[in-house]
N, C-alpha and C. Protein backbone atom coordinates (compact mmCIF):
# COMPACT_ATOMS: atom_id res chain seq x y z
N MET A 1 109.50 129.83 100.98
CA MET A 1 108.51 129.28 100.09
C MET A 1 107.62 128.25 100.80
N PHE A 2 108.24 127.46 101.69
CA PHE A 2 107.49 126.45 102.45
C PHE A 2 106.36 127.11 103.24
N TRP A 3 106.70 128.16 103.99
CA TRP A 3 105.69 128.80 104.84
C TRP A 3 104.59 129.46 104.03
N MET A 4 104.93 130.00 102.88
CA MET A 4 103.90 130.59 102.01
C MET A 4 102.95 129.49 101.53
N TRP A 5 103.49 128.32 101.22
CA TRP A 5 102.65 127.21 100.77
C TRP A 5 101.72 126.74 101.89
N VAL A 6 102.24 126.69 103.11
CA VAL A 6 101.43 126.30 104.27
C VAL A 6 100.23 127.24 104.41
N VAL A 7 100.49 128.52 104.28
CA VAL A 7 99.41 129.52 104.38
C VAL A 7 98.43 129.36 103.22
N LEU A 8 98.94 129.18 102.01
CA LEU A 8 98.07 129.00 100.84
C LEU A 8 97.16 127.79 101.02
N VAL A 9 97.69 126.69 101.49
CA VAL A 9 96.88 125.49 101.72
C VAL A 9 95.78 125.79 102.74
N ALA A 10 96.10 126.50 103.79
CA ALA A 10 95.10 126.85 104.80
C ALA A 10 94.00 127.73 104.19
N VAL A 11 94.41 128.74 103.45
CA VAL A 11 93.43 129.65 102.84
C VAL A 11 92.49 128.88 101.91
N LEU A 12 93.06 128.05 101.04
CA LEU A 12 92.23 127.30 100.10
C LEU A 12 91.38 126.25 100.80
N SER A 13 91.89 125.67 101.85
CA SER A 13 91.14 124.65 102.60
C SER A 13 89.99 125.25 103.39
N LEU A 14 90.13 126.52 103.77
CA LEU A 14 89.14 127.13 104.64
C LEU A 14 88.17 128.05 103.91
N LEU A 15 88.23 128.06 102.59
CA LEU A 15 87.23 128.81 101.84
C LEU A 15 85.87 128.14 102.01
N PRO A 16 84.81 128.93 102.12
CA PRO A 16 83.48 128.32 102.18
C PRO A 16 83.22 127.49 100.92
N GLY A 17 82.41 126.46 101.05
CA GLY A 17 82.14 125.54 99.95
C GLY A 17 81.72 126.21 98.66
N ARG A 18 80.94 127.23 98.76
CA ARG A 18 80.46 127.91 97.55
C ARG A 18 81.56 128.68 96.83
N SER A 19 82.61 129.02 97.53
CA SER A 19 83.71 129.76 96.91
C SER A 19 84.47 128.91 95.91
N ILE A 20 84.39 127.59 96.05
CA ILE A 20 85.13 126.73 95.15
C ILE A 20 84.23 126.02 94.15
N ASP A 21 82.93 126.29 94.21
CA ASP A 21 82.02 125.74 93.21
C ASP A 21 82.19 126.51 91.90
N GLY A 22 81.57 126.00 90.87
CA GLY A 22 81.59 126.72 89.60
C GLY A 22 82.68 126.26 88.66
N VAL A 23 83.36 125.17 88.98
CA VAL A 23 84.34 124.63 88.04
C VAL A 23 83.53 124.04 86.89
N PRO A 24 83.81 124.46 85.63
CA PRO A 24 82.95 124.08 84.52
C PRO A 24 82.92 122.58 84.22
N VAL A 25 84.00 121.87 84.45
CA VAL A 25 84.04 120.44 84.18
C VAL A 25 84.19 119.71 85.50
N GLU A 26 83.30 118.78 85.75
CA GLU A 26 83.40 118.03 87.01
C GLU A 26 84.10 116.70 86.75
N ILE A 27 85.22 116.53 87.40
CA ILE A 27 86.00 115.29 87.29
C ILE A 27 85.84 114.55 88.60
N PRO A 28 85.33 113.31 88.54
CA PRO A 28 85.11 112.57 89.80
C PRO A 28 86.40 112.43 90.62
N HIS A 29 86.29 112.73 91.87
CA HIS A 29 87.37 112.58 92.86
C HIS A 29 88.60 113.44 92.58
N ILE A 30 88.46 114.48 91.81
CA ILE A 30 89.60 115.37 91.53
C ILE A 30 90.13 115.99 92.82
N ASP A 31 89.24 116.17 93.79
CA ASP A 31 89.68 116.76 95.06
C ASP A 31 90.72 115.89 95.75
N LYS A 32 90.65 114.58 95.55
CA LYS A 32 91.64 113.69 96.17
C LYS A 32 93.02 113.92 95.54
N ALA A 33 93.04 114.11 94.23
CA ALA A 33 94.31 114.42 93.56
C ALA A 33 94.85 115.76 94.04
N VAL A 34 93.97 116.71 94.28
CA VAL A 34 94.39 118.02 94.78
C VAL A 34 94.99 117.89 96.18
N HIS A 35 94.34 117.11 97.03
CA HIS A 35 94.89 116.89 98.38
C HIS A 35 96.28 116.26 98.29
N PHE A 36 96.42 115.23 97.47
CA PHE A 36 97.71 114.56 97.29
C PHE A 36 98.77 115.56 96.81
N LEU A 37 98.42 116.34 95.82
CA LEU A 37 99.35 117.31 95.24
C LEU A 37 99.72 118.41 96.24
N PHE A 38 98.73 118.96 96.93
CA PHE A 38 99.01 120.03 97.89
C PHE A 38 99.98 119.59 98.98
N TYR A 39 99.73 118.40 99.53
CA TYR A 39 100.59 117.94 100.63
C TYR A 39 101.91 117.37 100.12
N GLY A 40 101.92 116.88 98.90
CA GLY A 40 103.19 116.48 98.29
C GLY A 40 104.10 117.68 98.07
N ILE A 41 103.53 118.75 97.55
CA ILE A 41 104.30 119.97 97.36
C ILE A 41 104.75 120.53 98.72
N MET A 42 103.85 120.46 99.71
CA MET A 42 104.19 120.99 101.02
C MET A 42 105.42 120.30 101.61
N THR A 43 105.46 118.98 101.56
CA THR A 43 106.59 118.29 102.18
C THR A 43 107.83 118.33 101.30
N PHE A 44 107.67 118.46 99.99
CA PHE A 44 108.83 118.68 99.13
C PHE A 44 109.49 120.01 99.51
N LEU A 45 108.67 121.04 99.66
CA LEU A 45 109.19 122.35 100.07
C LEU A 45 109.75 122.30 101.49
N LEU A 46 109.14 121.49 102.35
CA LEU A 46 109.68 121.29 103.69
C LEU A 46 111.09 120.71 103.62
N GLY A 47 111.28 119.73 102.76
CA GLY A 47 112.60 119.13 102.59
C GLY A 47 113.63 120.17 102.16
N LYS A 48 113.24 121.02 101.20
CA LYS A 48 114.14 122.09 100.75
C LYS A 48 114.43 123.06 101.89
N TYR A 49 113.40 123.41 102.64
CA TYR A 49 113.54 124.35 103.76
C TYR A 49 114.51 123.79 104.80
N LEU A 50 114.30 122.55 105.19
CA LEU A 50 115.17 121.94 106.20
C LEU A 50 116.59 121.76 105.68
N HIS A 51 116.73 121.42 104.41
CA HIS A 51 118.05 121.26 103.81
C HIS A 51 118.81 122.59 103.83
N GLY A 52 118.11 123.68 103.54
CA GLY A 52 118.74 125.00 103.54
C GLY A 52 119.13 125.47 104.93
N ARG A 53 118.48 124.96 105.95
CA ARG A 53 118.77 125.36 107.33
C ARG A 53 119.68 124.38 108.04
N ARG A 54 120.12 123.36 107.35
CA ARG A 54 120.94 122.31 107.97
C ARG A 54 122.29 122.86 108.42
N HIS A 55 122.65 122.53 109.64
CA HIS A 55 123.94 122.96 110.19
C HIS A 55 125.04 121.99 109.78
N LYS A 56 126.25 122.50 109.69
CA LYS A 56 127.38 121.65 109.29
C LYS A 56 127.60 120.49 110.23
N ASN A 57 127.35 120.70 111.51
CA ASN A 57 127.61 119.64 112.49
C ASN A 57 126.40 118.75 112.73
N GLN A 58 125.34 118.92 111.98
CA GLN A 58 124.15 118.09 112.13
C GLN A 58 124.38 116.74 111.44
N THR A 59 124.12 115.67 112.17
CA THR A 59 124.31 114.34 111.59
C THR A 59 123.16 114.01 110.63
N GLU A 60 123.38 113.01 109.80
CA GLU A 60 122.33 112.56 108.89
C GLU A 60 121.12 112.06 109.67
N SER A 61 121.37 111.40 110.78
CA SER A 61 120.29 110.89 111.63
C SER A 61 119.45 112.04 112.20
N GLN A 62 120.10 113.09 112.64
CA GLN A 62 119.37 114.26 113.16
C GLN A 62 118.55 114.92 112.06
N HIS A 63 119.12 115.00 110.87
CA HIS A 63 118.43 115.60 109.74
C HIS A 63 117.19 114.78 109.37
N LYS A 64 117.32 113.47 109.32
CA LYS A 64 116.17 112.60 109.01
C LYS A 64 115.09 112.71 110.08
N LYS A 65 115.52 112.82 111.33
CA LYS A 65 114.56 112.99 112.42
C LYS A 65 113.77 114.28 112.24
N GLN A 66 114.45 115.35 111.86
CA GLN A 66 113.77 116.62 111.59
C GLN A 66 112.76 116.45 110.45
N GLN A 67 113.16 115.74 109.41
CA GLN A 67 112.24 115.52 108.28
C GLN A 67 111.01 114.74 108.73
N ILE A 68 111.22 113.68 109.49
CA ILE A 68 110.10 112.86 109.94
C ILE A 68 109.14 113.68 110.79
N LEU A 69 109.68 114.45 111.73
CA LEU A 69 108.83 115.29 112.58
C LEU A 69 108.09 116.34 111.75
N GLY A 70 108.77 116.90 110.76
CA GLY A 70 108.14 117.89 109.89
C GLY A 70 107.01 117.29 109.07
N VAL A 71 107.23 116.10 108.53
CA VAL A 71 106.19 115.43 107.75
C VAL A 71 105.01 115.07 108.65
N LEU A 72 105.29 114.58 109.85
CA LEU A 72 104.20 114.30 110.79
C LEU A 72 103.41 115.56 111.12
N ALA A 73 104.12 116.68 111.28
CA ALA A 73 103.44 117.96 111.55
C ALA A 73 102.54 118.34 110.37
N CYS A 74 102.99 118.12 109.15
CA CYS A 74 102.17 118.41 107.97
C CYS A 74 100.92 117.53 107.94
N MET A 75 101.08 116.26 108.33
CA MET A 75 99.94 115.35 108.38
C MET A 75 98.93 115.79 109.43
N VAL A 76 99.41 116.19 110.59
CA VAL A 76 98.53 116.68 111.65
C VAL A 76 97.84 117.96 111.20
N TYR A 77 98.58 118.83 110.54
CA TYR A 77 98.03 120.08 110.01
C TYR A 77 96.85 119.80 109.07
N GLY A 78 97.04 118.87 108.16
CA GLY A 78 95.97 118.51 107.22
C GLY A 78 94.76 117.94 107.93
N THR A 79 94.99 117.14 108.95
CA THR A 79 93.90 116.54 109.71
C THR A 79 93.13 117.62 110.47
N ILE A 80 93.85 118.54 111.07
CA ILE A 80 93.19 119.65 111.78
C ILE A 80 92.35 120.48 110.82
N LEU A 81 92.88 120.75 109.64
CA LEU A 81 92.12 121.53 108.66
C LEU A 81 90.83 120.81 108.25
N GLU A 82 90.87 119.49 108.17
CA GLU A 82 89.66 118.72 107.85
C GLU A 82 88.60 118.90 108.94
N PHE A 83 89.01 118.84 110.19
CA PHE A 83 88.06 119.03 111.28
C PHE A 83 87.53 120.46 111.32
N VAL A 84 88.37 121.43 111.03
CA VAL A 84 87.92 122.82 110.99
C VAL A 84 86.88 122.98 109.88
N GLN A 85 87.11 122.35 108.74
CA GLN A 85 86.12 122.41 107.66
C GLN A 85 84.76 121.88 108.13
N GLU A 86 84.79 120.80 108.85
CA GLU A 86 83.54 120.17 109.31
C GLU A 86 82.77 121.06 110.28
N PHE A 87 83.48 121.66 111.21
CA PHE A 87 82.80 122.34 112.30
C PHE A 87 82.73 123.86 112.17
N ALA A 88 83.48 124.46 111.25
CA ALA A 88 83.52 125.92 111.22
C ALA A 88 83.34 126.55 109.84
N ILE A 89 83.34 125.77 108.78
CA ILE A 89 83.29 126.34 107.44
C ILE A 89 81.99 125.91 106.74
N PRO A 90 81.12 126.88 106.43
CA PRO A 90 79.87 126.54 105.75
C PRO A 90 80.13 125.89 104.38
N GLY A 91 79.41 124.84 104.11
CA GLY A 91 79.51 124.19 102.81
C GLY A 91 80.71 123.25 102.67
N ARG A 92 81.50 123.10 103.72
CA ARG A 92 82.65 122.18 103.69
C ARG A 92 82.42 121.09 104.71
N ASN A 93 83.02 119.92 104.49
CA ASN A 93 82.84 118.84 105.44
C ASN A 93 84.09 117.99 105.57
N TYR A 94 84.13 117.23 106.64
CA TYR A 94 85.23 116.32 106.95
C TYR A 94 85.11 115.09 106.06
N GLU A 95 86.24 114.66 105.51
CA GLU A 95 86.28 113.41 104.76
C GLU A 95 87.55 112.65 105.12
N SER A 96 87.36 111.42 105.58
CA SER A 96 88.52 110.58 105.93
C SER A 96 89.42 110.35 104.72
N TRP A 97 88.83 110.22 103.55
CA TRP A 97 89.64 110.00 102.34
C TRP A 97 90.55 111.18 102.06
N ASP A 98 90.10 112.39 102.38
CA ASP A 98 90.96 113.56 102.19
C ASP A 98 92.20 113.45 103.06
N ILE A 99 92.01 113.01 104.30
CA ILE A 99 93.15 112.84 105.21
C ILE A 99 94.10 111.79 104.66
N LEU A 100 93.56 110.69 104.16
CA LEU A 100 94.39 109.63 103.61
C LEU A 100 95.23 110.16 102.44
N PHE A 101 94.61 110.95 101.57
CA PHE A 101 95.35 111.49 100.43
C PHE A 101 96.34 112.58 100.86
N ASN A 102 96.02 113.33 101.92
CA ASN A 102 96.99 114.27 102.48
C ASN A 102 98.25 113.52 102.94
N ILE A 103 98.03 112.43 103.66
CA ILE A 103 99.14 111.64 104.19
C ILE A 103 99.95 111.02 103.06
N ALA A 104 99.26 110.44 102.09
CA ALA A 104 99.97 109.82 100.95
C ALA A 104 100.79 110.86 100.19
N GLY A 105 100.21 112.03 99.97
CA GLY A 105 100.93 113.11 99.29
C GLY A 105 102.13 113.57 100.09
N ALA A 106 101.96 113.69 101.41
CA ALA A 106 103.06 114.12 102.27
C ALA A 106 104.23 113.15 102.21
N ILE A 107 103.93 111.87 102.24
CA ILE A 107 104.99 110.85 102.16
C ILE A 107 105.66 110.89 100.78
N ALA A 108 104.85 111.00 99.75
CA ALA A 108 105.41 111.04 98.38
C ALA A 108 106.28 112.28 98.19
N GLY A 109 105.85 113.41 98.72
CA GLY A 109 106.60 114.66 98.54
C GLY A 109 107.98 114.61 99.18
N ILE A 110 108.07 114.12 100.39
CA ILE A 110 109.38 114.07 101.06
C ILE A 110 110.24 112.98 100.43
N ALA A 111 109.61 111.89 99.98
CA ALA A 111 110.38 110.84 99.29
C ALA A 111 110.95 111.37 97.98
N LEU A 112 110.16 112.13 97.26
CA LEU A 112 110.64 112.73 96.00
C LEU A 112 111.77 113.72 96.27
N PHE A 113 111.63 114.53 97.32
CA PHE A 113 112.70 115.45 97.66
C PHE A 113 113.99 114.69 97.97
N ASN A 114 113.88 113.66 98.80
CA ASN A 114 115.08 112.89 99.17
C ASN A 114 115.70 112.21 97.98
N LEU A 115 114.90 111.74 97.06
CA LEU A 115 115.42 111.13 95.83
C LEU A 115 116.15 112.17 94.98
N ALA A 116 115.54 113.33 94.83
CA ALA A 116 116.17 114.41 94.05
C ALA A 116 117.45 114.89 94.74
N ASP A 117 117.41 115.01 96.07
CA ASP A 117 118.57 115.47 96.82
C ASP A 117 119.71 114.46 96.75
N LYS A 118 119.38 113.20 96.77
CA LYS A 118 120.38 112.13 96.70
C LYS A 118 121.11 112.16 95.36
N ASN A 119 120.41 112.53 94.31
CA ASN A 119 120.99 112.56 92.97
C ASN A 119 121.80 113.83 92.70
N ASN A 120 121.81 114.77 93.64
CA ASN A 120 122.58 116.01 93.45
C ASN A 120 123.92 115.95 94.12
């Protein structure tokens, strides 16, 4: 599920600007909420993915290190997609605020996963 979400985020991020126009109601800064949500879901699913692949002999420290590296990879992924939008996708542009909301969502998603996992 994690990898499917990664692909979906790429596809939606790389659509030309006109492909996403036409939303009947314009809500100011809704795209920032979408960035937060997309990357929050991505790292929540990353947590589930890593948890499912965890080896019996893997220490908690090793598992947390994997999570941190995975979340950092998601943050870099979002940043790269922003630059690709700027330089390769008609009608799309780079926004620093989008990156900030990607990062905030990524942190929130893995934190939520760890909270849910701790309670199980």
